[in-house]
Amino acid sequence: MEGFHHHHSSITSPFSYTFAITGTAATTSTFNTTPWMNSRIWSKLPQRLIDRILAFLPPPAFFRARSVCKRWYALLFSNSFLELYLQVSPRRHWFIFFNHKISKSYIYKNNNNGATGTASNHNNDGYLFDPYDMAWYRISFTLVPSGFSPASSSSGLLCWVSDEAGPKTMLLCNPIIGSLTQLPPTPRPRLFPSIGLTVTPTCIDVTVAGDDMISPYAVKNLTSESFHIDGGGFYSIWGTTSSLPRLCSLESGRMVYAEGKFYCMNCSPFSVMAFDITSNAWFKIQAPMRRFLRSPSLLECKGKLLLIAAVEKSKLNVPKSLRVWTLQSCGTMWVESERMPQQLYVQFAELEGGNGFECVGHGEFIVIIIRGTDKALLFDISRKRWQWIPPCPYRRHHHHGFVDELHGFAYEPRLATPVTGLLDHLALPFQNFNA
């Protein structure tokens, strides 16, 4: 099992945690020991009320509380507590980031089975970011074998996909409780396809698109394959395929899910590709100001699809800016919904220096990470508030002063993801990837 890891010392407990980082100093909450906390009163709280309180705790505080007594330690394995937790625990719109390790220079295995590129440099650490407290945590993925990279996330689960060219194997991991569930491999061989994942309490949908291996030496974006399983007993194990639009070029390698569709960026020129899960059909949506966009990203926030990008109109007297558009309910029209304040954009552009940036959205939050730096911005959509994020204290620095680029996903920490039990009915023999 994995857990939160302390930044300063080696901890053997499987549920160790990292202190919250605020600014440059590490802090941890302390219990209130004022006199009115009379133990004769508080010790008589009904157990069901105590459980309800514990179910509301954020994950670091919950794992800290597990050290209080045997009963609290065992709550993670109590079906009655987990059922209560699933009913009452508030949704937390967190983020998880990884050091970006896979590039398309890593393509094939050579004849002596040595991997080219950097896939063998496996890093099991992820960095959780809590936007409510502006806190960073480090979490380990010790159960995920080498040769897999994070590709998508949904409802507390992270999808890891095999790096090696060929049929793709995917693993669904809940890092909080250390569960790992395998999906059947895709029938078609692919290189680095775009992966879409959406998980509800009763079903799992996965779509794998593009980078079809048409020969050992060439790939093309030709098809997509879909996997579905639900609590009603219906499943389609990669039985659904669909043709991609002609001449599509998947830009980011990731998909975003919103309102029954997967979306991904298409480049040359920029457009948005959409896959309707119900009708099993792909179509293109024209991007706003497509000729003037730089570093466009697709996000899902509050159920809506957003597009965020820098806008640079070199020949027109329009100030450069960073803008956010929302896809309207008609499914084809964009409306500008946010714009970074000009004074902040001047500061942002100076730090960014044309190197690009990566954006991730979740709930009411958008995180913008400037590539090649430790600088990142948080935009709270509800409060219309922009603020700089404290640097992640766990990132590695290179000799030239640059840090590893972070690749991020929306992440909702959950103590239980019972929907993965549906996959047990497929009776898959779990492979030993370390053999």
Protein backbone atom coordinates (compact mmCIF):
# COMPACT_ATOMS: atom_id res chain seq x y z
CA MET A 1 0.00 0.00 0.00
CA GLU A 2 1.07 3.56 -0.64
CA GLY A 3 0.57 6.71 1.33
CA PHE A 4 1.74 10.24 1.95
CA HIS A 5 5.49 10.47 2.41
CA HIS A 6 7.36 12.77 4.74
CA HIS A 7 9.77 15.11 2.98
CA HIS A 8 12.56 15.10 5.56
CA SER A 9 13.01 11.57 6.84
CA SER A 10 12.64 7.92 5.93
CA ILE A 11 9.35 6.53 7.20
CA THR A 12 8.45 2.86 7.04
CA SER A 13 4.75 3.26 7.83
CA PRO A 14 2.67 2.53 4.72
CA PHE A 15 0.47 5.53 5.50
CA SER A 16 3.07 8.14 6.34
CA TYR A 17 2.22 11.62 5.15
CA THR A 18 3.95 14.83 4.15
CA PHE A 19 3.44 18.06 6.05
CA ALA A 20 1.57 20.82 4.27
CA ILE A 21 3.77 23.39 2.61
CA THR A 22 2.75 27.03 2.95
CA GLY A 23 5.20 29.53 1.51
CA THR A 24 8.68 28.33 2.40
CA ALA A 25 8.01 26.80 5.80
CA ALA A 26 6.54 23.40 6.61
CA THR A 27 3.68 23.47 9.07
CA THR A 28 1.40 20.91 10.61
CA SER A 29 -1.89 21.36 12.39
CA THR A 30 -2.02 20.78 16.14
CA PHE A 31 -4.86 19.55 18.29
CA ASN A 32 -6.78 22.15 20.27
CA THR A 33 -6.01 21.50 23.94
CA THR A 34 -7.94 24.36 25.48
CA PRO A 35 -9.72 23.53 28.79
CA TRP A 36 -13.21 23.34 27.29
CA MET A 37 -12.20 20.14 25.45
CA ASN A 38 -13.32 18.12 28.48
CA SER A 39 -12.37 14.49 27.92
CA ARG A 40 -15.22 13.25 30.12
CA ILE A 41 -17.66 14.76 27.64
CA TRP A 42 -15.85 14.17 24.35
CA SER A 43 -15.01 10.55 25.18
CA LYS A 44 -18.74 9.79 25.33
CA LEU A 45 -19.46 10.81 21.72
CA PRO A 46 -21.49 8.07 19.96
CA GLN A 47 -19.31 5.93 17.70
CA ARG A 48 -21.48 6.59 14.64
CA LEU A 49 -20.98 10.33 15.13
CA ILE A 50 -17.23 9.91 15.46
CA ASP A 51 -17.17 7.88 12.24
CA ARG A 52 -19.13 10.60 10.50
CA ILE A 53 -16.60 13.21 11.62
CA LEU A 54 -13.69 11.04 10.45
CA ALA A 55 -15.37 10.56 7.05
CA PHE A 56 -15.17 14.32 6.50
CA LEU A 57 -11.40 14.51 7.11
CA PRO A 58 -9.09 15.18 4.14
CA PRO A 59 -6.78 12.22 3.39
CA PRO A 60 -3.63 13.49 5.22
CA ALA A 61 -5.64 14.16 8.39
CA PHE A 62 -7.45 10.82 8.10
CA PHE A 63 -4.21 8.84 7.87
CA ARG A 64 -2.80 10.86 10.74
CA ALA A 65 -5.89 9.98 12.81
CA ARG A 66 -5.43 6.26 12.09
CA SER A 67 -2.51 6.22 14.53
CA VAL A 68 -4.83 7.07 17.46
CA CYS A 69 -6.15 3.55 18.12
CA LYS A 70 -6.66 0.11 16.57
CA ARG A 71 -10.29 0.79 15.70
CA TRP A 72 -9.49 3.97 13.80
CA TYR A 73 -6.60 2.23 12.08
CA ALA A 74 -8.97 -0.49 10.87
CA LEU A 75 -11.56 1.92 9.45
CA LEU A 76 -9.90 1.74 6.04
CA PHE A 77 -10.95 -1.92 5.92
CA SER A 78 -14.44 -1.48 7.38
CA ASN A 79 -17.24 -1.84 4.82
CA SER A 80 -19.72 0.05 6.99
CA PHE A 81 -17.34 3.00 7.41
CA LEU A 82 -16.44 3.07 3.69
CA GLU A 83 -20.13 3.06 2.77
CA LEU A 84 -20.65 6.03 5.09
CA TYR A 85 -17.55 7.71 3.64
CA LEU A 86 -18.86 7.36 0.07
CA GLN A 87 -22.15 8.94 1.13
CA VAL A 88 -20.94 11.95 3.12
CA SER A 89 -17.30 12.72 2.26
CA PRO A 90 -17.07 16.06 0.39
CA ARG A 91 -15.58 16.08 -3.11
CA ARG A 92 -12.08 17.49 -3.17
CA HIS A 93 -10.84 18.99 -6.41
CA TRP A 94 -7.15 18.26 -6.07
CA PHE A 95 -4.43 17.77 -8.67
CA ILE A 96 -1.64 15.24 -9.13
CA PHE A 97 1.59 15.89 -11.01
CA PHE A 98 4.39 13.66 -12.27
CA ASN A 99 7.85 14.30 -13.66
CA HIS A 100 7.44 14.13 -17.40
CA LYS A 101 9.56 11.16 -18.47
CA ILE A 102 8.12 9.87 -21.74
CA SER A 103 8.77 11.58 -25.04
CA LYS A 104 8.15 10.33 -28.56
CA SER A 105 11.90 9.77 -28.95
CA TYR A 106 11.29 6.56 -27.00
CA ILE A 107 9.67 4.45 -29.69
CA TYR A 108 10.72 0.87 -30.10
CA LYS A 109 12.70 -1.80 -28.40
CA ASN A 110 15.85 -2.74 -30.27
CA ASN A 111 16.90 -6.28 -31.09
CA ASN A 112 18.57 -6.98 -27.73
CA ASN A 113 15.42 -5.92 -25.87
CA GLY A 114 17.04 -2.76 -24.55
CA ALA A 115 14.68 0.17 -24.46
CA THR A 116 15.71 3.33 -26.25
CA GLY A 117 14.91 6.64 -24.60
CA THR A 118 14.13 7.16 -20.94
CA ALA A 119 11.40 4.67 -20.13
CA SER A 120 13.70 2.67 -17.87
CA ASN A 121 14.17 5.68 -15.56
CA HIS A 122 11.04 4.89 -13.62
CA ASN A 123 9.98 7.38 -11.01
CA ASN A 124 7.30 6.11 -8.63
CA ASP A 125 6.58 9.48 -7.02
CA GLY A 126 3.63 11.74 -7.69
CA TYR A 127 3.02 15.19 -6.24
CA LEU A 128 -0.44 15.95 -4.89
CA PHE A 129 -1.54 19.57 -4.81
CA ASP A 130 -4.38 20.72 -2.56
CA PRO A 131 -5.63 24.06 -3.98
CA TYR A 132 -7.78 24.82 -0.92
CA ASP A 133 -4.80 24.94 1.45
CA MET A 134 -2.12 25.58 -1.23
CA ALA A 135 -0.34 22.48 0.10
CA TRP A 136 1.91 19.92 -1.60
CA TYR A 137 2.21 16.22 -0.69
CA ARG A 138 4.35 13.47 -2.10
CA ILE A 139 2.84 10.05 -2.72
CA SER A 140 4.48 6.86 -3.97
CA PHE A 141 3.25 4.36 -6.54
CA THR A 142 5.34 1.39 -5.50
CA LEU A 143 2.85 -1.15 -6.88
CA VAL A 144 2.99 0.26 -10.42
CA PRO A 145 5.65 -1.68 -12.36
CA SER A 146 8.33 0.00 -14.45
CA GLY A 147 7.49 0.52 -18.11
CA PHE A 148 4.18 2.27 -17.38
CA SER A 149 3.32 5.99 -17.50
CA PRO A 150 0.35 7.93 -16.09
CA ALA A 151 -2.11 8.72 -18.88
CA SER A 152 -5.47 9.79 -17.45
CA SER A 153 -7.52 10.07 -14.27
CA SER A 154 -11.11 10.02 -13.03
CA SER A 155 -12.95 9.64 -9.72
CA GLY A 156 -9.95 8.77 -7.58
CA LEU A 157 -8.40 6.40 -10.13
CA LEU A 158 -5.26 6.98 -12.20
CA CYS A 159 -4.80 5.12 -15.48
CA TRP A 160 -1.26 3.97 -16.26
CA VAL A 161 -0.48 2.74 -19.79
CA SER A 162 2.36 0.52 -20.98
CA ASP A 163 5.17 2.43 -22.72
CA GLU A 164 6.29 -0.32 -25.06
CA ALA A 165 5.03 -0.15 -28.64
CA GLY A 166 2.35 -2.75 -29.36
CA PRO A 167 -0.98 -3.71 -27.75
CA LYS A 168 -1.50 -1.40 -24.80
CA THR A 169 -2.04 -2.65 -21.24
CA MET A 170 -3.67 -0.26 -18.76
CA LEU A 171 -3.66 -0.32 -14.97
CA LEU A 172 -6.20 1.53 -12.80
CA CYS A 173 -4.61 2.62 -9.54
CA ASN A 174 -6.05 4.21 -6.41
CA PRO A 175 -2.88 5.66 -4.85
CA ILE A 176 -4.52 6.51 -1.52
CA ILE A 177 -5.33 2.89 -0.66
CA GLY A 178 -2.77 1.21 -2.91
CA SER A 179 -5.15 -0.76 -5.14
CA LEU A 180 -4.15 -1.81 -8.66
CA THR A 181 -6.52 -3.29 -11.24
CA GLN A 182 -5.61 -4.42 -14.74
CA LEU A 183 -7.63 -3.87 -17.93
CA PRO A 184 -7.43 -6.34 -20.82
CA PRO A 185 -4.83 -5.28 -23.42
CA THR A 186 -6.00 -3.48 -26.53
CA PRO A 187 -6.19 -5.63 -29.69
CA ARG A 188 -4.49 -3.06 -31.94
CA PRO A 189 -0.79 -2.25 -31.58
CA ARG A 190 -0.12 1.43 -30.91
CA LEU A 191 2.78 3.70 -30.00
CA PHE A 192 1.71 6.61 -27.74
CA PRO A 193 -2.07 6.86 -28.13
CA SER A 194 -4.29 9.42 -26.44
CA ILE A 195 -6.11 7.90 -23.47
CA GLY A 196 -9.53 8.94 -22.18
CA LEU A 197 -10.96 7.66 -18.88
CA THR A 198 -14.25 8.39 -17.15
CA VAL A 199 -15.40 6.55 -14.03
CA THR A 200 -18.76 6.81 -12.25
CA PRO A 201 -19.92 4.84 -9.19
CA THR A 202 -21.43 2.25 -11.57
CA CYS A 203 -19.37 2.15 -14.77
CA ILE A 204 -15.96 2.56 -16.39
CA ASP A 205 -15.34 3.92 -19.90
CA VAL A 206 -11.92 4.03 -21.58
CA THR A 207 -11.06 5.24 -25.10
CA VAL A 208 -7.66 4.76 -26.76
CA ALA A 209 -7.08 6.79 -29.93
CA GLY A 210 -4.43 7.21 -32.59
CA ASP A 211 -0.78 6.30 -33.11
CA ASP A 212 -1.79 3.06 -34.87
CA MET A 213 1.24 0.90 -35.67
CA ILE A 214 0.79 0.33 -39.40
CA SER A 215 4.28 -1.20 -39.58
CA PRO A 216 7.22 -1.63 -37.20
CA TYR A 217 8.53 1.69 -38.52
CA ALA A 218 5.47 3.90 -39.03
CA VAL A 219 2.42 5.16 -37.15
CA LYS A 220 -0.72 6.99 -38.26
CA ASN A 221 -3.76 8.37 -36.48
CA LEU A 222 -6.39 6.07 -37.95
CA THR A 223 -8.64 4.49 -35.31
CA SER A 224 -9.83 4.48 -31.73
CA GLU A 225 -10.96 1.62 -29.49
CA SER A 226 -13.37 1.77 -26.56
CA PHE A 227 -13.83 -0.28 -23.39
CA HIS A 228 -17.00 -0.23 -21.28
CA ILE A 229 -18.22 -2.10 -18.23
CA ASP A 230 -21.10 -1.24 -15.90
CA GLY A 231 -22.95 -2.51 -12.86
CA GLY A 232 -25.85 -3.67 -15.00
CA GLY A 233 -23.73 -6.50 -16.35
CA PHE A 234 -23.05 -4.93 -19.77
CA TYR A 235 -19.49 -4.83 -20.97
CA SER A 236 -17.66 -4.26 -24.24
CA ILE A 237 -14.02 -5.34 -24.01
CA TRP A 238 -12.43 -3.23 -26.75
CA GLY A 239 -15.22 -4.47 -29.00
CA THR A 240 -16.02 -0.98 -30.27
CA THR A 241 -13.77 0.71 -32.82
CA SER A 242 -14.18 3.97 -34.67
CA SER A 243 -12.31 5.79 -37.44
CA LEU A 244 -10.64 9.09 -36.61
CA PRO A 245 -11.25 12.12 -38.86
CA ARG A 246 -8.86 12.36 -41.80
CA LEU A 247 -5.52 14.13 -41.34
CA CYS A 248 -5.94 14.50 -37.59
CA SER A 249 -2.88 15.20 -35.47
CA LEU A 250 -3.43 14.65 -31.75
CA GLU A 251 -1.63 17.48 -29.99
CA SER A 252 -1.32 16.66 -26.31
CA GLY A 253 -1.78 12.90 -26.00
CA ARG A 254 -4.50 13.39 -23.39
CA MET A 255 -8.27 13.46 -23.49
CA VAL A 256 -10.74 15.42 -21.38
CA TYR A 257 -14.23 14.14 -20.56
CA ALA A 258 -17.26 16.43 -20.37
CA GLU A 259 -20.98 15.83 -20.86
CA GLY A 260 -20.79 12.42 -22.52
CA LYS A 261 -17.86 13.16 -24.82
CA PHE A 262 -14.09 12.85 -24.86
CA TYR A 263 -12.19 15.84 -26.25
CA CYS A 264 -8.58 16.28 -27.37
CA MET A 265 -6.57 19.01 -29.10
CA ASN A 266 -5.75 18.70 -32.78
CA CYS A 267 -2.95 20.75 -34.32
CA SER A 268 -2.01 22.13 -37.77
CA PRO A 269 -4.14 24.21 -37.55
CA PHE A 270 -5.58 24.03 -34.04
CA SER A 271 -9.00 22.45 -33.68
CA VAL A 272 -10.77 20.26 -31.12
CA MET A 273 -11.61 16.62 -31.76
CA ALA A 274 -14.64 15.19 -29.98
CA PHE A 275 -15.72 11.58 -29.49
CA ASP A 276 -19.36 10.92 -28.62
CA ILE A 277 -19.35 7.77 -26.49
CA THR A 278 -23.01 6.95 -27.14
CA SER A 279 -22.93 7.27 -30.93
CA ASN A 280 -19.32 6.03 -31.23
CA ALA A 281 -18.48 8.87 -33.62
CA TRP A 282 -15.66 11.41 -33.94
CA PHE A 283 -16.07 14.95 -35.20
CA LYS A 284 -14.09 18.20 -35.28
CA ILE A 285 -14.94 21.50 -33.61
CA GLN A 286 -13.29 24.70 -34.80
CA ALA A 287 -11.15 26.31 -32.11
CA PRO A 288 -11.65 30.02 -31.25
CA MET A 289 -9.01 32.36 -32.73
CA ARG A 290 -7.22 29.25 -33.93
CA ARG A 291 -4.56 31.11 -35.94
CA PHE A 292 -3.43 33.14 -32.95
CA LEU A 293 -3.30 30.48 -30.22
CA ARG A 294 -0.19 29.34 -28.38
CA SER A 295 0.02 26.43 -25.89
CA PRO A 296 -3.71 25.61 -26.06
CA SER A 297 -5.08 23.19 -23.46
CA LEU A 298 -8.48 21.59 -22.94
CA LEU A 299 -9.87 21.44 -19.40
CA GLU A 300 -13.00 20.19 -17.68
CA CYS A 301 -14.32 22.46 -14.95
CA LYS A 302 -17.74 22.10 -13.31
CA GLY A 303 -18.89 19.76 -16.09
CA LYS A 304 -18.04 22.22 -18.87
CA LEU A 305 -15.29 22.01 -21.49
CA LEU A 306 -12.85 24.93 -21.39
CA LEU A 307 -10.06 25.90 -23.75
CA ILE A 308 -7.22 28.03 -22.37
CA ALA A 309 -4.41 29.51 -24.45
CA ALA A 310 -2.13 32.47 -24.96
CA VAL A 311 -3.38 34.78 -27.73
CA GLU A 312 -0.84 36.58 -29.89
CA LYS A 313 -2.09 38.74 -32.76
CA SER A 314 1.20 40.02 -34.12
CA LYS A 315 -0.25 42.13 -36.95
CA LEU A 316 -3.16 43.65 -35.07
CA ASN A 317 -3.18 46.25 -32.33
CA VAL A 318 -4.52 43.78 -29.75
CA PRO A 319 -2.65 43.22 -26.47
CA LYS A 320 -1.24 39.77 -25.96
CA SER A 321 -3.19 37.86 -23.33
CA LEU A 322 -4.11 34.54 -21.79
CA ARG A 323 -7.78 33.71 -22.33
CA VAL A 324 -10.28 31.03 -21.38
CA TRP A 325 -13.23 30.02 -23.55
CA THR A 326 -16.21 27.84 -22.62
CA LEU A 327 -17.86 25.48 -25.11
CA GLN A 328 -21.57 26.29 -25.25
CA SER A 329 -24.34 23.70 -24.93
CA CYS A 330 -24.83 23.65 -28.71
CA GLY A 331 -21.44 21.91 -28.87
CA THR A 332 -19.86 24.04 -31.59
CA MET A 333 -19.65 27.63 -30.32
CA TRP A 334 -17.08 29.09 -27.90
CA VAL A 335 -17.58 32.09 -25.65
CA GLU A 336 -14.68 33.87 -23.93
CA SER A 337 -15.29 33.46 -20.20
CA GLU A 338 -12.07 34.63 -18.51
CA ARG A 339 -8.98 36.70 -19.28
CA MET A 340 -5.85 37.04 -17.20
CA PRO A 341 -5.43 40.61 -15.87
CA GLN A 342 -3.02 42.44 -18.17
CA GLN A 343 -0.58 43.41 -15.42
CA LEU A 344 -0.35 39.76 -14.31
CA TYR A 345 0.02 38.60 -17.91
CA VAL A 346 3.04 40.86 -18.42
CA GLN A 347 4.67 39.21 -15.39
CA PHE A 348 3.56 35.75 -16.57
CA ALA A 349 4.88 36.28 -20.13
CA GLU A 350 8.26 37.44 -18.84
CA LEU A 351 8.65 34.29 -16.74
CA GLU A 352 7.33 32.05 -19.50
CA GLY A 353 9.58 33.52 -22.20
CA GLY A 354 7.85 31.68 -25.02
CA ASN A 355 8.73 28.23 -23.61
CA GLY A 356 5.08 27.25 -23.22
CA PHE A 357 2.93 26.21 -20.32
CA GLU A 358 0.65 23.37 -19.26
CA CYS A 359 -2.85 23.75 -17.84
CA VAL A 360 -5.02 21.40 -15.77
CA GLY A 361 -8.56 22.08 -14.59
CA HIS A 362 -10.65 20.53 -11.83
CA GLY A 363 -13.85 21.78 -10.23
CA GLU A 364 -13.52 25.53 -9.76
CA PHE A 365 -9.72 25.55 -10.17
CA ILE A 366 -7.25 25.91 -13.04
CA VAL A 367 -3.50 25.30 -12.52
CA ILE A 368 -1.08 26.81 -15.05
CA ILE A 369 2.51 25.55 -14.88
CA ILE A 370 5.25 27.43 -16.75
CA ARG A 371 7.58 24.97 -18.46
CA GLY A 372 11.22 24.95 -17.43
CA THR A 373 10.54 26.80 -14.17
CA ASP A 374 9.12 26.14 -10.71
CA LYS A 375 6.47 28.81 -11.25
CA ALA A 376 2.76 28.02 -11.36
CA LEU A 377 -0.51 29.96 -11.12
CA LEU A 378 -3.84 28.98 -9.58
CA PHE A 379 -7.04 30.52 -10.90
CA ASP A 380 -10.15 30.16 -8.76
CA ILE A 381 -13.04 30.48 -11.24
CA SER A 382 -15.69 30.99 -8.56
CA ARG A 383 -13.83 33.82 -6.80
CA LYS A 384 -12.18 35.22 -9.96
CA ARG A 385 -8.89 35.09 -8.08
CA TRP A 386 -5.39 34.55 -9.52
CA GLN A 387 -2.49 33.66 -7.23
CA TRP A 388 0.99 32.18 -7.48
CA ILE A 389 1.40 28.67 -6.09
CA PRO A 390 4.25 27.88 -3.66
CA PRO A 391 6.87 25.83 -5.55
CA CYS A 392 6.62 22.07 -5.17
CA PRO A 393 9.43 21.19 -2.71
CA TYR A 394 9.94 17.70 -4.15
CA ARG A 395 10.95 18.54 -7.72
CA ARG A 396 14.46 17.64 -8.83
CA HIS A 397 16.87 20.27 -10.12
CA HIS A 398 19.29 19.60 -12.95
CA HIS A 399 22.88 20.82 -13.16
CA HIS A 400 21.84 23.82 -15.28
CA GLY A 401 19.26 24.93 -12.77
CA PHE A 402 16.21 23.65 -14.65
CA VAL A 403 13.62 21.48 -12.97
CA ASP A 404 11.81 18.47 -14.38
CA GLU A 405 8.68 19.37 -16.28
CA LEU A 406 5.51 18.43 -14.46
CA HIS A 407 2.67 16.64 -16.24
CA GLY A 408 -0.61 16.99 -14.36
CA PHE A 409 -4.08 15.54 -14.00
CA ALA A 410 -7.25 16.41 -12.14
CA TYR A 411 -7.42 14.15 -9.11
CA GLU A 412 -10.07 13.48 -6.49
CA PRO A 413 -8.59 11.61 -3.48
CA ARG A 414 -10.88 8.78 -2.38
CA LEU A 415 -10.56 6.11 0.31
CA ALA A 416 -12.67 3.71 -1.76
CA THR A 417 -13.36 3.09 -5.45
CA PRO A 418 -15.68 0.05 -5.40
CA VAL A 419 -16.46 0.28 -9.13
CA THR A 420 -13.14 -1.47 -9.86
CA GLY A 421 -14.75 -4.62 -8.44
CA LEU A 422 -16.60 -4.92 -11.75
CA LEU A 423 -13.32 -5.81 -13.42
CA ASP A 424 -12.92 -8.85 -11.17
CA HIS A 425 -15.65 -10.58 -13.20
CA LEU A 426 -13.41 -10.52 -16.27
CA ALA A 427 -11.20 -13.13 -14.56
CA LEU A 428 -7.98 -11.66 -15.91
CA PRO A 429 -4.74 -13.30 -14.85
CA PHE A 430 -2.65 -10.42 -13.53
CA GLN A 431 0.66 -10.26 -15.38
CA ASN A 432 3.97 -10.04 -13.60
CA PHE A 433 5.45 -7.12 -15.49
CA ASN A 434 8.67 -7.22 -13.47
CA ALA A 435 9.58 -10.69 -14.62
